[in-house]
């Protein structure tokens, strides 16, 4: 009788330890994809900080292109707000979709600005504009790498939480599926090319 009772207690203890291991692993994976999102956040913040400098430098040359410059600033402000919302819930599909849409708008506005600037050779030759262009291009590359790292971490987390036996405990402990960063429109998949 005592042996059976000790066996049951030992089995329950091992089960409890196993559940704790699963829980801790899921917490670690969730924190990894949140950290990966924070890397995107850093790069997007850098990009959003560069855009007003770019617009101010271009403003002197593009006096007749007020609407284009305003569209860039509005897209940047909308994307900044979407980034803050997604930053507080990086696994939320709605927040990520909103951020991806806002990012597409920024990319489109920058492409329009680039097209307009082709008509201003003095602006293309401006040293400050060239430096800002280079920084923005570099930041775009960093954003792309950060997005890939985020998606890798989300995929690993989602796979782990859907794998047996973790799937049994994941929903019980509130580990929800994390959203990938996806671009819905094929045109959005192209890298924003900035050359002035």
C-alpha atoms as a PDB file:
ATOM      1  CA  UNK A   1       0.000   0.000   0.000  1.00  0.00           C
ATOM      2  CA  UNK A   2       2.775   2.444   0.932  1.00  0.00           C
ATOM      3  CA  UNK A   3       4.729   1.439  -2.164  1.00  0.00           C
ATOM      4  CA  UNK A   4       1.718   2.119  -4.399  1.00  0.00           C
ATOM      5  CA  UNK A   5       1.153   5.463  -2.723  1.00  0.00           C
ATOM      6  CA  UNK A   6       4.840   6.413  -3.145  1.00  0.00           C
ATOM      7  CA  UNK A   7       4.706   5.320  -6.793  1.00  0.00           C
ATOM      8  CA  UNK A   8       1.643   7.488  -7.418  1.00  0.00           C
ATOM      9  CA  UNK A   9       3.268  10.468  -5.692  1.00  0.00           C
ATOM     10  CA  UNK A  10       6.480   9.950  -7.672  1.00  0.00           C
ATOM     11  CA  UNK A  11       4.516   9.764 -10.955  1.00  0.00           C
ATOM     12  CA  UNK A  12       2.594  12.930 -10.053  1.00  0.00           C
ATOM     13  CA  UNK A  13       5.856  14.659  -9.128  1.00  0.00           C
ATOM     14  CA  UNK A  14       7.424  13.702 -12.476  1.00  0.00           C
ATOM     15  CA  UNK A  15       4.310  14.881 -14.323  1.00  0.00           C
ATOM     16  CA  UNK A  16       4.436  18.194 -12.460  1.00  0.00           C
ATOM     17  CA  UNK A  17       8.118  18.628 -13.312  1.00  0.00           C
ATOM     18  CA  UNK A  18       7.384  17.805 -16.963  1.00  0.00           C
ATOM     19  CA  UNK A  19       4.563  20.381 -17.062  1.00  0.00           C
ATOM     20  CA  UNK A  20       6.893  22.982 -15.539  1.00  0.00           C
ATOM     21  CA  UNK A  21       9.511  22.209 -18.206  1.00  0.00           C
ATOM     22  CA  UNK A  22       6.915  22.611 -20.975  1.00  0.00           C
ATOM     23  CA  UNK A  23       5.661  25.873 -19.488  1.00  0.00           C
ATOM     24  CA  UNK A  24       9.163  27.298 -19.119  1.00  0.00           C
ATOM     25  CA  UNK A  25      10.081  26.302 -22.676  1.00  0.00           C
ATOM     26  CA  UNK A  26       6.985  28.044 -24.061  1.00  0.00           C
ATOM     27  CA  UNK A  27       7.737  31.158 -22.014  1.00  0.00           C
ATOM     28  CA  UNK A  28      11.283  31.180 -23.362  1.00  0.00           C
ATOM     29  CA  UNK A  29      10.098  30.824 -26.954  1.00  0.00           C
ATOM     30  CA  UNK A  30       7.462  33.528 -26.525  1.00  0.00           C
ATOM     31  CA  UNK A  31      10.117  35.867 -25.136  1.00  0.00           C
ATOM     32  CA  UNK A  32      12.391  35.088 -28.081  1.00  0.00           C
ATOM     33  CA  UNK A  33       9.791  36.136 -30.656  1.00  0.00           C
ATOM     34  CA  UNK A  34       8.973  39.243 -28.607  1.00  0.00           C
ATOM     35  CA  UNK A  35      12.671  40.097 -28.566  1.00  0.00           C
ATOM     36  CA  UNK A  36      12.819  39.528 -32.320  1.00  0.00           C
ATOM     37  CA  UNK A  37       9.936  41.978 -32.724  1.00  0.00           C
ATOM     38  CA  UNK A  38      11.770  44.517 -30.602  1.00  0.00           C
ATOM     39  CA  UNK A  39      14.613  44.350 -33.134  1.00  0.00           C
ATOM     40  CA  UNK A  40      12.132  45.273 -35.867  1.00  0.00           C
ATOM     41  CA  UNK A  41      10.865  48.022 -33.598  1.00  0.00           C
ATOM     42  CA  UNK A  42      14.381  49.476 -33.252  1.00  0.00           C
ATOM     43  CA  UNK A  43      14.977  49.485 -37.002  1.00  0.00           C
ATOM     44  CA  UNK A  44      11.560  50.929 -37.836  1.00  0.00           C
ATOM     45  CA  UNK A  45      12.078  53.664 -35.244  1.00  0.00           C
ATOM     46  CA  UNK A  46      15.390  54.474 -36.912  1.00  0.00           C
ATOM     47  CA  UNK A  47      13.651  54.627 -40.278  1.00  0.00           C
ATOM     48  CA  UNK A  48      10.827  56.783 -38.950  1.00  0.00           C
ATOM     49  CA  UNK A  49      13.405  59.159 -37.474  1.00  0.00           C
ATOM     50  CA  UNK A  50      15.176  59.455 -40.847  1.00  0.00           C
ATOM     51  CA  UNK A  51      12.035  60.250 -42.842  1.00  0.00           C
ATOM     52  CA  UNK A  52      11.414  63.761 -41.417  1.00  0.00           C
ATOM     53  CA  UNK A  53      15.067  64.658 -42.110  1.00  0.00           C
ATOM     54  CA  UNK A  54      14.667  63.384 -45.652  1.00  0.00           C
ATOM     55  CA  UNK A  55      11.495  65.400 -46.164  1.00  0.00           C
ATOM     56  CA  UNK A  56      13.009  68.576 -44.686  1.00  0.00           C
ATOM     57  CA  UNK A  57      16.047  68.288 -46.937  1.00  0.00           C
ATOM     58  CA  UNK A  58      13.819  67.750 -49.961  1.00  0.00           C
ATOM     59  CA  UNK A  59      11.353  70.495 -48.999  1.00  0.00           C
ATOM     60  CA  UNK A  60      13.659  73.312 -50.150  1.00  0.00           C
ATOM     61  CA  UNK A  61      13.921  71.770 -53.608  1.00  0.00           C
ATOM     62  CA  UNK A  62      10.361  70.499 -53.915  1.00  0.00           C
ATOM     63  CA  UNK A  63       8.368  73.647 -53.192  1.00  0.00           C
ATOM     64  CA  UNK A  64       5.696  72.628 -55.685  1.00  0.00           C
ATOM     65  CA  UNK A  65       5.383  69.061 -54.391  1.00  0.00           C
ATOM     66  CA  UNK A  66       3.730  69.785 -51.047  1.00  0.00           C
ATOM     67  CA  UNK A  67       1.180  66.945 -51.378  1.00  0.00           C
ATOM     68  CA  UNK A  68       3.891  64.343 -51.971  1.00  0.00           C
ATOM     69  CA  UNK A  69       5.861  65.464 -48.925  1.00  0.00           C
ATOM     70  CA  UNK A  70       2.744  65.504 -46.752  1.00  0.00           C
ATOM     71  CA  UNK A  71       1.828  61.992 -47.902  1.00  0.00           C
ATOM     72  CA  UNK A  72       5.233  60.736 -46.776  1.00  0.00           C
ATOM     73  CA  UNK A  73       4.873  62.358 -43.355  1.00  0.00           C
ATOM     74  CA  UNK A  74       1.295  61.090 -42.902  1.00  0.00           C
ATOM     75  CA  UNK A  75       2.305  57.549 -43.864  1.00  0.00           C
ATOM     76  CA  UNK A  76       5.228  57.729 -41.447  1.00  0.00           C
ATOM     77  CA  UNK A  77       3.005  58.948 -38.594  1.00  0.00           C
ATOM     78  CA  UNK A  78       0.408  56.248 -39.257  1.00  0.00           C
ATOM     79  CA  UNK A  79       3.113  53.567 -39.353  1.00  0.00           C
ATOM     80  CA  UNK A  80       4.650  54.881 -36.129  1.00  0.00           C
ATOM     81  CA  UNK A  81       1.280  54.550 -34.378  1.00  0.00           C
ATOM     82  CA  UNK A  82       0.810  51.040 -35.802  1.00  0.00           C
ATOM     83  CA  UNK A  83       4.303  50.091 -34.646  1.00  0.00           C
ATOM     84  CA  UNK A  84       3.520  51.209 -31.100  1.00  0.00           C
ATOM     85  CA  UNK A  85       0.292  49.165 -31.104  1.00  0.00           C
ATOM     86  CA  UNK A  86       2.048  46.086 -32.459  1.00  0.00           C
ATOM     87  CA  UNK A  87       4.904  46.572 -30.009  1.00  0.00           C
ATOM     88  CA  UNK A  88       2.589  46.109 -27.068  1.00  0.00           C
ATOM     89  CA  UNK A  89       1.201  42.865 -28.589  1.00  0.00           C
ATOM     90  CA  UNK A  90       3.743  41.526 -31.118  1.00  0.00           C
ATOM     91  CA  UNK A  91       1.990  38.187 -31.490  1.00  0.00           C
ATOM     92  CA  UNK A  92      -1.438  39.684 -32.220  1.00  0.00           C
ATOM     93  CA  UNK A  93      -2.495  39.034 -35.810  1.00  0.00           C
ATOM     94  CA  UNK A  94      -4.592  42.204 -36.100  1.00  0.00           C
ATOM     95  CA  UNK A  95      -1.804  44.447 -34.816  1.00  0.00           C
ATOM     96  CA  UNK A  96       0.730  42.802 -37.115  1.00  0.00           C
ATOM     97  CA  UNK A  97      -1.587  43.124 -40.118  1.00  0.00           C
ATOM     98  CA  UNK A  98      -2.154  46.795 -39.334  1.00  0.00           C
ATOM     99  CA  UNK A  99       1.590  47.374 -39.038  1.00  0.00           C
ATOM    100  CA  UNK A 100       2.271  45.554 -42.306  1.00  0.00           C
ATOM    101  CA  UNK A 101      -0.354  47.709 -44.047  1.00  0.00           C
ATOM    102  CA  UNK A 102       1.084  50.888 -42.585  1.00  0.00           C
ATOM    103  CA  UNK A 103       4.566  49.832 -43.644  1.00  0.00           C
ATOM    104  CA  UNK A 104       3.294  49.256 -47.176  1.00  0.00           C
ATOM    105  CA  UNK A 105       1.917  52.802 -47.178  1.00  0.00           C
ATOM    106  CA  UNK A 106       5.304  54.173 -46.076  1.00  0.00           C
ATOM    107  CA  UNK A 107       7.006  52.217 -48.839  1.00  0.00           C
ATOM    108  CA  UNK A 108       4.545  53.523 -51.411  1.00  0.00           C
ATOM    109  CA  UNK A 109       4.944  57.112 -50.224  1.00  0.00           C
ATOM    110  CA  UNK A 110       8.732  56.813 -50.400  1.00  0.00           C
ATOM    111  CA  UNK A 111       8.490  55.388 -53.920  1.00  0.00           C
ATOM    112  CA  UNK A 112       6.312  58.345 -54.951  1.00  0.00           C
ATOM    113  CA  UNK A 113       8.780  60.745 -53.379  1.00  0.00           C
ATOM    114  CA  UNK A 114      11.615  59.028 -55.229  1.00  0.00           C
ATOM    115  CA  UNK A 115       9.746  59.328 -58.527  1.00  0.00           C
ATOM    116  CA  UNK A 116       9.108  63.038 -57.976  1.00  0.00           C
ATOM    117  CA  UNK A 117      12.731  63.658 -57.032  1.00  0.00           C
ATOM    118  CA  UNK A 118      13.926  62.250 -60.336  1.00  0.00           C
ATOM    119  CA  UNK A 119      12.845  65.586 -61.829  1.00  0.00           C
ATOM    120  CA  UNK A 120      15.172  67.570 -59.519  1.00  0.00           C
ATOM    121  CA  UNK A 121      18.842  66.984 -60.411  1.00  0.00           C
ATOM    122  CA  UNK A 122      20.062  69.496 -57.802  1.00  0.00           C
ATOM    123  CA  UNK A 123      18.338  67.521 -55.081  1.00  0.00           C
ATOM    124  CA  UNK A 124      19.873  64.273 -56.292  1.00  0.00           C
ATOM    125  CA  UNK A 125      23.325  65.905 -56.097  1.00  0.00           C
ATOM    126  CA  UNK A 126      22.795  67.273 -52.562  1.00  0.00           C
ATOM    127  CA  UNK A 127      25.265  65.683 -50.085  1.00  0.00           C
ATOM    128  CA  UNK A 128      22.803  65.594 -47.207  1.00  0.00           C
ATOM    129  CA  UNK A 129      20.207  63.930 -49.399  1.00  0.00           C
ATOM    130  CA  UNK A 130      22.742  61.359 -50.575  1.00  0.00           C
ATOM    131  CA  UNK A 131      23.729  60.581 -46.981  1.00  0.00           C
ATOM    132  CA  UNK A 132      20.096  60.299 -45.858  1.00  0.00           C
ATOM    133  CA  UNK A 133      19.369  58.082 -48.840  1.00  0.00           C
ATOM    134  CA  UNK A 134      22.238  55.771 -47.933  1.00  0.00           C
ATOM    135  CA  UNK A 135      21.130  55.590 -44.296  1.00  0.00           C
ATOM    136  CA  UNK A 136      17.555  54.861 -45.319  1.00  0.00           C
ATOM    137  CA  UNK A 137      18.658  52.110 -47.700  1.00  0.00           C
ATOM    138  CA  UNK A 138      20.825  50.576 -44.978  1.00  0.00           C
ATOM    139  CA  UNK A 139      17.931  50.736 -42.538  1.00  0.00           C
ATOM    140  CA  UNK A 140      15.613  49.073 -45.066  1.00  0.00           C
ATOM    141  CA  UNK A 141      18.047  46.155 -45.231  1.00  0.00           C
ATOM    142  CA  UNK A 142      18.160  45.929 -41.449  1.00  0.00           C
ATOM    143  CA  UNK A 143      14.363  45.957 -41.292  1.00  0.00           C
ATOM    144  CA  UNK A 144      14.247  43.076 -43.775  1.00  0.00           C
ATOM    145  CA  UNK A 145      16.696  41.008 -41.730  1.00  0.00           C
ATOM    146  CA  UNK A 146      14.803  41.782 -38.525  1.00  0.00           C
ATOM    147  CA  UNK A 147      11.503  40.731 -40.099  1.00  0.00           C
ATOM    148  CA  UNK A 148      13.028  37.434 -41.170  1.00  0.00           C
ATOM    149  CA  UNK A 149      14.418  36.807 -37.685  1.00  0.00           C
ATOM    150  CA  UNK A 150      11.012  37.615 -36.182  1.00  0.00           C
ATOM    151  CA  UNK A 151       9.215  35.236 -38.533  1.00  0.00           C
ATOM    152  CA  UNK A 152      11.747  32.491 -37.758  1.00  0.00           C
ATOM    153  CA  UNK A 153      11.155  32.870 -34.017  1.00  0.00           C
ATOM    154  CA  UNK A 154       7.369  32.990 -34.450  1.00  0.00           C
ATOM    155  CA  UNK A 155       7.456  29.858 -36.580  1.00  0.00           C
ATOM    156  CA  UNK A 156       9.567  28.029 -34.004  1.00  0.00           C
ATOM    157  CA  UNK A 157       7.258  29.140 -31.173  1.00  0.00           C
ATOM    158  CA  UNK A 158       4.080  28.205 -33.067  1.00  0.00           C
ATOM    159  CA  UNK A 159       5.518  24.827 -34.048  1.00  0.00           C
ATOM    160  CA  UNK A 160       6.488  24.066 -30.477  1.00  0.00           C
ATOM    161  CA  UNK A 161       3.118  25.090 -29.039  1.00  0.00           C
ATOM    162  CA  UNK A 162       1.305  22.921 -31.612  1.00  0.00           C
ATOM    163  CA  UNK A 163       3.487  19.860 -31.017  1.00  0.00           C
ATOM    164  CA  UNK A 164       2.415  17.050 -28.725  1.00  0.00           C
ATOM    165  CA  UNK A 165       2.490  17.139 -25.684  1.00  0.00           C
ATOM    166  CA  UNK A 166       2.972  20.949 -25.531  1.00  0.00           C
ATOM    167  CA  UNK A 167      -0.313  21.474 -27.366  1.00  0.00           C
ATOM    168  CA  UNK A 168      -2.165  20.010 -24.369  1.00  0.00           C
ATOM    169  CA  UNK A 169      -0.780  22.612 -22.005  1.00  0.00           C
ATOM    170  CA  UNK A 170      -0.249  25.597 -24.325  1.00  0.00           C
ATOM    171  CA  UNK A 171      -3.869  26.696 -24.486  1.00  0.00           C
ATOM    172  CA  UNK A 172      -4.399  25.817 -20.836  1.00  0.00           C
ATOM    173  CA  UNK A 173      -1.611  28.252 -19.887  1.00  0.00           C
ATOM    174  CA  UNK A 174      -2.736  30.934 -22.368  1.00  0.00           C
ATOM    175  CA  UNK A 175      -0.032  30.529 -25.012  1.00  0.00           C
ATOM    176  CA  UNK A 176      -1.802  31.777 -28.140  1.00  0.00           C
ATOM    177  CA  UNK A 177      -0.622  31.458 -31.696  1.00  0.00           C
ATOM    178  CA  UNK A 178       1.705  34.280 -32.704  1.00  0.00           C
ATOM    179  CA  UNK A 179       1.228  36.073 -36.010  1.00  0.00           C
ATOM    180  CA  UNK A 180       3.857  36.075 -38.724  1.00  0.00           C
ATOM    181  CA  UNK A 181       4.800  39.306 -40.446  1.00  0.00           C
ATOM    182  CA  UNK A 182       3.247  38.795 -43.860  1.00  0.00           C
ATOM    183  CA  UNK A 183       2.783  41.110 -46.785  1.00  0.00           C
ATOM    184  CA  UNK A 184      -0.477  40.466 -48.576  1.00  0.00           C
ATOM    185  CA  UNK A 185       0.066  42.390 -51.811  1.00  0.00           C
ATOM    186  CA  UNK A 186       2.786  41.230 -54.216  1.00  0.00           C
ATOM    187  CA  UNK A 187       3.949  44.802 -54.863  1.00  0.00           C
ATOM    188  CA  UNK A 188       4.638  45.197 -51.147  1.00  0.00           C
ATOM    189  CA  UNK A 189       7.167  42.370 -51.320  1.00  0.00           C
ATOM    190  CA  UNK A 190       9.553  44.525 -53.322  1.00  0.00           C
ATOM    191  CA  UNK A 191      12.280  46.358 -51.458  1.00  0.00           C
ATOM    192  CA  UNK A 192      11.833  50.092 -51.284  1.00  0.00           C
ATOM    193  CA  UNK A 193      14.550  51.523 -53.486  1.00  0.00           C
ATOM    194  CA  UNK A 194      15.688  54.948 -52.473  1.00  0.00           C
ATOM    195  CA  UNK A 195      18.053  56.746 -54.813  1.00  0.00           C
ATOM    196  CA  UNK A 196      18.163  60.482 -55.121  1.00  0.00           C
END
